[in-house]
Amino acid sequence: MEHVLELNQVSYSYHTKEGETLALSQISFSLKKGEFIAIVGPSGCGKSTLLSLISGLLTPESGTIRINGKPLKESAANIGYMLQKDHLFEWRTIYHNVILGLEIQHMMNIHTIQRANELLELYGLGHFKSSRPSELSGGMRQRAALVRTLVLEPELLLLDEPFSALDYQTRLAVGDDIGQIIRKEQKTAILVTHDLSEAISLGDRVIILSDRPATIAQTLPLTFHLKEDTPLERRNTPEFKQYFNLIWKELNHHGKAIQTASLTD
């Protein structure tokens, strides 16, 4: 099966007047169609930078990124990007927020308008099409932001801590909700998160990054023996705790190595 996304030895540095800071070093991984991976790592290690490279907002200093077998710059693939905030415009209704991308990309037609309405109905927002964002809960706003992304039919979906602005209880419910939507739509997705439980409950694999300059410390495939594999159901399994401890141990190992290095410098 052809990979939707392939990264091969990707590195990136930030350049300032003070000098060069290597952020990512020789990152390599790939995703097959319909696969959902989560990326975790220490704060400031370059997780969001990695998404910016994959989306084309930044250009790697070395290495290659390919979408559907083509170099990123030559690919016509549509990449969806969900950020930490929903960025819904208060002066537009939920419906008009959802179709904003269609308007910008000149994709408004009978098919896409029908698809927008179908998604709103399917994911519980049909009765709120005429509402303003301030009239919706945080969870519903994030659902609307996801529908706005899905209506553009992205081949790859990038999620940069999309639940971090929500309170814990809402975050659990919305993570379960959006995780199931992505599975139902069979989207290929990458989630960046600081929340290890979130990564385990949503991903097919967890990629663990080291501290800066970030390298891939470990890739952990996730397997759960569940009749109904949902994010909330995963949290109640014995495997969940085992995976959590493995990831925690790996992150702590790198943290201690960094502390030791700084003490001996």
Protein backbone atom coordinates (compact mmCIF):
# COMPACT_ATOMS: atom_id res chain seq x y z
CA MET A 1 0.00 0.00 0.00
CA GLU A 2 1.33 3.42 -0.96
CA HIS A 3 2.04 5.72 1.94
CA VAL A 4 0.06 8.93 2.21
CA LEU A 5 2.99 10.58 4.01
CA GLU A 6 6.72 9.79 4.07
CA LEU A 7 9.41 11.69 5.97
CA ASN A 8 13.01 10.70 5.26
CA GLN A 9 15.86 12.10 7.39
CA VAL A 10 14.16 15.47 7.88
CA SER A 11 16.11 18.10 9.82
CA TYR A 12 15.33 21.74 10.59
CA SER A 13 17.13 24.58 12.41
CA TYR A 14 15.99 27.98 13.63
CA HIS A 15 18.25 30.89 12.71
CA THR A 16 18.50 34.04 14.84
CA LYS A 17 21.06 36.81 15.35
CA GLU A 18 22.47 34.74 18.22
CA GLY A 19 23.10 31.77 15.94
CA GLU A 20 21.61 28.50 14.77
CA THR A 21 19.48 26.16 16.88
CA LEU A 22 18.91 22.65 15.60
CA ALA A 23 15.25 21.82 16.34
CA LEU A 24 14.67 18.50 14.53
CA SER A 25 17.30 15.98 13.50
CA GLN A 26 16.88 13.18 10.94
CA ILE A 27 13.19 12.48 11.51
CA SER A 28 11.89 9.53 9.48
CA PHE A 29 8.44 7.91 9.55
CA SER A 30 5.52 7.16 7.24
CA LEU A 31 1.72 6.86 7.38
CA LYS A 32 -0.59 4.59 5.44
CA LYS A 33 -4.07 5.65 4.40
CA GLY A 34 -6.47 5.74 7.35
CA GLU A 35 -3.70 5.54 9.96
CA PHE A 36 -3.76 7.79 13.03
CA ILE A 37 -0.49 8.51 14.84
CA ALA A 38 0.17 10.59 17.93
CA ILE A 39 3.42 12.46 18.57
CA VAL A 40 4.58 13.22 22.10
CA GLY A 41 7.77 14.67 23.53
CA PRO A 42 9.17 17.20 26.00
CA SER A 43 7.93 20.79 25.83
CA GLY A 44 9.79 22.79 23.21
CA CYS A 45 11.23 19.76 21.44
CA GLY A 46 9.76 20.74 18.06
CA LYS A 47 6.45 18.86 17.78
CA SER A 48 4.55 21.81 16.30
CA THR A 49 7.54 22.64 14.08
CA LEU A 50 7.23 19.14 12.65
CA LEU A 51 3.59 19.78 11.71
CA SER A 52 4.57 23.08 10.10
CA LEU A 53 7.10 21.21 7.95
CA ILE A 54 4.55 18.59 6.92
CA SER A 55 1.98 21.26 6.05
CA GLY A 56 4.49 23.17 3.93
CA LEU A 57 4.55 26.26 6.15
CA LEU A 58 8.25 25.59 6.75
CA THR A 59 10.84 23.97 4.46
CA PRO A 60 13.23 21.27 5.74
CA GLU A 61 16.93 22.13 5.70
CA SER A 62 17.66 18.54 4.74
CA GLY A 63 15.70 15.37 4.07
CA THR A 64 12.50 14.88 2.10
CA ILE A 65 8.75 14.94 2.72
CA ARG A 66 6.51 13.14 0.24
CA ILE A 67 2.71 13.07 -0.03
CA ASN A 68 1.25 10.17 -2.02
CA GLY A 69 4.71 9.46 -3.39
CA LYS A 70 5.33 13.02 -4.64
CA PRO A 71 7.59 15.69 -3.11
CA LEU A 72 5.52 17.98 -0.89
CA LYS A 73 5.94 21.02 -3.17
CA GLU A 74 4.73 19.02 -6.18
CA SER A 75 1.77 17.41 -4.44
CA ALA A 76 -1.75 18.67 -4.99
CA ALA A 77 -2.97 16.86 -1.85
CA ASN A 78 -5.25 18.79 0.47
CA ILE A 79 -3.87 18.97 4.03
CA GLY A 80 -6.21 19.92 6.87
CA TYR A 81 -4.81 21.69 9.93
CA MET A 82 -6.60 21.98 13.30
CA LEU A 83 -4.97 24.32 15.81
CA GLN A 84 -5.27 24.73 19.58
CA LYS A 85 -8.04 27.32 19.16
CA ASP A 86 -11.08 26.79 16.96
CA HIS A 87 -10.66 30.21 15.24
CA LEU A 88 -14.38 30.47 14.48
CA PHE A 89 -15.46 33.99 13.50
CA GLU A 90 -18.15 35.44 15.74
CA TRP A 91 -19.66 37.56 12.93
CA ARG A 92 -20.38 34.39 10.92
CA THR A 93 -22.91 31.70 11.78
CA ILE A 94 -21.71 28.13 12.37
CA TYR A 95 -22.80 27.22 8.84
CA HIS A 96 -20.90 30.15 7.32
CA ASN A 97 -17.84 29.30 9.44
CA VAL A 98 -17.96 25.72 8.15
CA ILE A 99 -18.07 26.79 4.49
CA LEU A 100 -15.38 29.47 4.87
CA GLY A 101 -12.64 27.25 3.43
CA LEU A 102 -14.86 26.35 0.49
CA GLU A 103 -15.36 30.05 -0.23
CA ILE A 104 -11.65 30.86 0.01
CA GLN A 105 -10.67 27.97 -2.27
CA HIS A 106 -13.52 28.68 -4.72
CA MET A 107 -14.97 25.22 -4.12
CA MET A 108 -18.59 26.23 -3.53
CA ASN A 109 -20.87 23.98 -5.58
CA ILE A 110 -23.94 21.79 -5.10
CA HIS A 111 -21.84 18.81 -4.02
CA THR A 112 -19.70 20.64 -1.43
CA ILE A 113 -22.65 22.57 0.02
CA GLN A 114 -24.58 19.31 0.38
CA ARG A 115 -21.54 17.72 2.02
CA ALA A 116 -21.26 20.60 4.51
CA ASN A 117 -24.92 20.21 5.49
CA GLU A 118 -24.57 16.43 5.76
CA LEU A 119 -21.57 16.73 8.09
CA LEU A 120 -23.32 19.30 10.27
CA GLU A 121 -26.33 16.99 10.63
CA LEU A 122 -24.24 13.85 11.10
CA TYR A 123 -22.18 15.31 13.92
CA GLY A 124 -24.93 16.98 15.90
CA LEU A 125 -24.65 20.56 14.69
CA GLY A 126 -27.62 20.67 12.32
CA HIS A 127 -29.79 22.57 14.80
CA PHE A 128 -27.01 25.12 15.39
CA LYS A 129 -26.27 26.14 11.79
CA SER A 130 -27.69 29.62 12.37
CA SER A 131 -26.06 30.05 15.80
CA ARG A 132 -23.03 32.18 16.52
CA PRO A 133 -19.88 30.56 17.96
CA SER A 134 -20.41 32.24 21.36
CA GLU A 135 -23.70 30.36 21.70
CA LEU A 136 -21.97 26.97 21.55
CA SER A 137 -19.99 25.07 24.15
CA GLY A 138 -16.24 24.64 23.73
CA GLY A 139 -16.71 21.04 22.64
CA MET A 140 -19.29 21.94 20.01
CA ARG A 141 -17.05 24.71 18.70
CA GLN A 142 -14.21 22.22 18.21
CA ARG A 143 -16.59 19.88 16.45
CA ALA A 144 -17.58 22.74 14.13
CA ALA A 145 -13.89 23.47 13.48
CA LEU A 146 -13.36 19.81 12.56
CA VAL A 147 -16.35 19.83 10.20
CA ARG A 148 -14.93 23.00 8.59
CA THR A 149 -11.73 21.03 7.97
CA LEU A 150 -13.42 17.80 6.82
CA VAL A 151 -15.64 19.52 4.26
CA LEU A 152 -12.48 20.31 2.26
CA GLU A 153 -11.86 16.53 1.98
CA PRO A 154 -8.27 16.60 3.29
CA GLU A 155 -6.10 13.58 2.49
CA LEU A 156 -4.03 14.27 5.60
CA LEU A 157 -5.28 15.83 8.83
CA LEU A 158 -2.87 17.57 11.24
CA LEU A 159 -4.04 18.17 14.81
CA ASP A 160 -1.92 20.51 16.93
CA GLU A 161 -3.21 20.03 20.50
CA PRO A 162 -6.80 20.76 19.43
CA PHE A 163 -8.28 19.99 22.86
CA SER A 164 -5.80 21.85 25.08
CA ALA A 165 -8.03 24.90 25.59
CA LEU A 166 -10.86 22.76 27.02
CA ASP A 167 -11.45 21.81 30.65
CA TYR A 168 -10.55 18.22 31.55
CA GLN A 169 -14.05 16.73 31.48
CA THR A 170 -14.91 18.40 28.17
CA ARG A 171 -11.52 17.40 26.79
CA LEU A 172 -12.23 13.71 27.46
CA ALA A 173 -15.65 13.87 25.81
CA VAL A 174 -14.48 15.91 22.81
CA GLY A 175 -11.40 13.74 22.32
CA ASP A 176 -13.63 10.67 22.21
CA ASP A 177 -16.08 12.43 19.90
CA ILE A 178 -13.53 13.77 17.43
CA GLY A 179 -11.47 10.59 17.52
CA GLN A 180 -14.51 8.57 16.45
CA ILE A 181 -15.37 11.11 13.73
CA ILE A 182 -11.86 10.84 12.25
CA ARG A 183 -12.11 7.03 12.30
CA LYS A 184 -15.55 7.10 10.73
CA GLU A 185 -14.34 9.40 7.96
CA GLN A 186 -11.26 7.13 7.52
CA LYS A 187 -8.90 10.08 7.61
CA THR A 188 -5.14 9.79 7.83
CA ALA A 189 -4.18 11.91 10.83
CA ILE A 190 -1.32 13.12 13.02
CA LEU A 191 -1.98 14.38 16.54
CA VAL A 192 0.59 16.41 18.48
CA THR A 193 -0.13 16.45 22.19
CA HIS A 194 1.46 16.82 25.65
CA ASP A 195 -1.22 14.53 27.08
CA LEU A 196 0.06 10.95 27.10
CA SER A 197 -3.40 9.54 27.89
CA GLU A 198 -4.81 11.39 24.90
CA ALA A 199 -2.09 10.01 22.63
CA ILE A 200 -2.75 6.42 23.74
CA SER A 201 -6.52 6.69 23.55
CA LEU A 202 -6.51 8.09 20.00
CA GLY A 203 -3.50 6.72 18.12
CA ASP A 204 -2.61 3.59 16.19
CA ARG A 205 1.02 4.38 17.04
CA VAL A 206 2.76 6.82 19.36
CA ILE A 207 5.98 8.44 18.17
CA ILE A 208 8.10 9.61 21.11
CA LEU A 209 10.49 12.48 20.41
CA SER A 210 13.59 13.23 22.44
CA ASP A 211 14.43 16.67 23.77
CA ARG A 212 15.81 19.25 21.32
CA PRO A 213 17.29 18.62 18.90
CA ALA A 214 14.43 16.17 18.56
CA THR A 215 15.04 12.71 17.20
CA ILE A 216 12.65 9.76 17.26
CA ALA A 217 13.42 8.03 20.54
CA GLN A 218 10.87 5.26 20.05
CA THR A 219 7.80 4.31 18.01
CA LEU A 220 5.19 2.36 19.95
CA PRO A 221 2.43 0.45 18.08
CA LEU A 222 -0.83 0.31 20.06
CA THR A 223 -3.05 -2.78 20.21
CA PHE A 224 -6.25 -3.06 22.24
CA HIS A 225 -8.51 -6.10 22.53
CA LEU A 226 -11.88 -4.38 22.44
CA LYS A 227 -15.18 -5.15 20.75
CA GLU A 228 -15.74 -1.40 20.38
CA ASP A 229 -12.42 0.41 20.04
CA THR A 230 -13.15 3.99 21.15
CA PRO A 231 -10.91 6.48 22.96
CA LEU A 232 -12.94 6.26 26.19
CA GLU A 233 -13.07 2.45 26.12
CA ARG A 234 -9.30 2.28 25.67
CA ARG A 235 -8.77 4.18 28.93
CA ASN A 236 -10.37 1.30 30.89
CA THR A 237 -8.08 -1.45 29.60
CA PRO A 238 -4.98 -3.03 31.22
CA GLU A 239 -3.02 -2.22 28.03
CA PHE A 240 -3.66 1.48 28.54
CA LYS A 241 -1.72 1.60 31.80
CA GLN A 242 1.11 -0.47 30.33
CA TYR A 243 1.48 1.85 27.35
CA PHE A 244 1.33 4.91 29.61
CA ASN A 245 4.14 3.56 31.80
CA LEU A 246 6.29 2.69 28.77
CA ILE A 247 5.96 6.18 27.29
CA TRP A 248 6.47 7.87 30.67
CA LYS A 249 9.62 5.80 31.25
CA GLU A 250 10.99 6.72 27.82
CA LEU A 251 10.34 10.45 28.32
CA ASN A 252 11.85 10.35 31.83
CA HIS A 253 14.92 8.52 30.54
CA HIS A 254 15.63 11.32 28.09
CA GLY A 255 14.91 13.98 30.71
CA LYS A 256 17.44 12.46 33.12
CA ALA A 257 20.03 12.10 30.38
CA ILE A 258 19.66 15.81 29.56
CA GLN A 259 19.98 16.79 33.25
CA THR A 260 23.09 14.63 33.67
CA ALA A 261 24.69 16.12 30.57
CA SER A 262 24.08 19.67 31.82
CA LEU A 263 25.58 18.83 35.24
CA THR A 264 28.78 17.47 33.69
CA ASP A 265 29.28 20.34 31.20
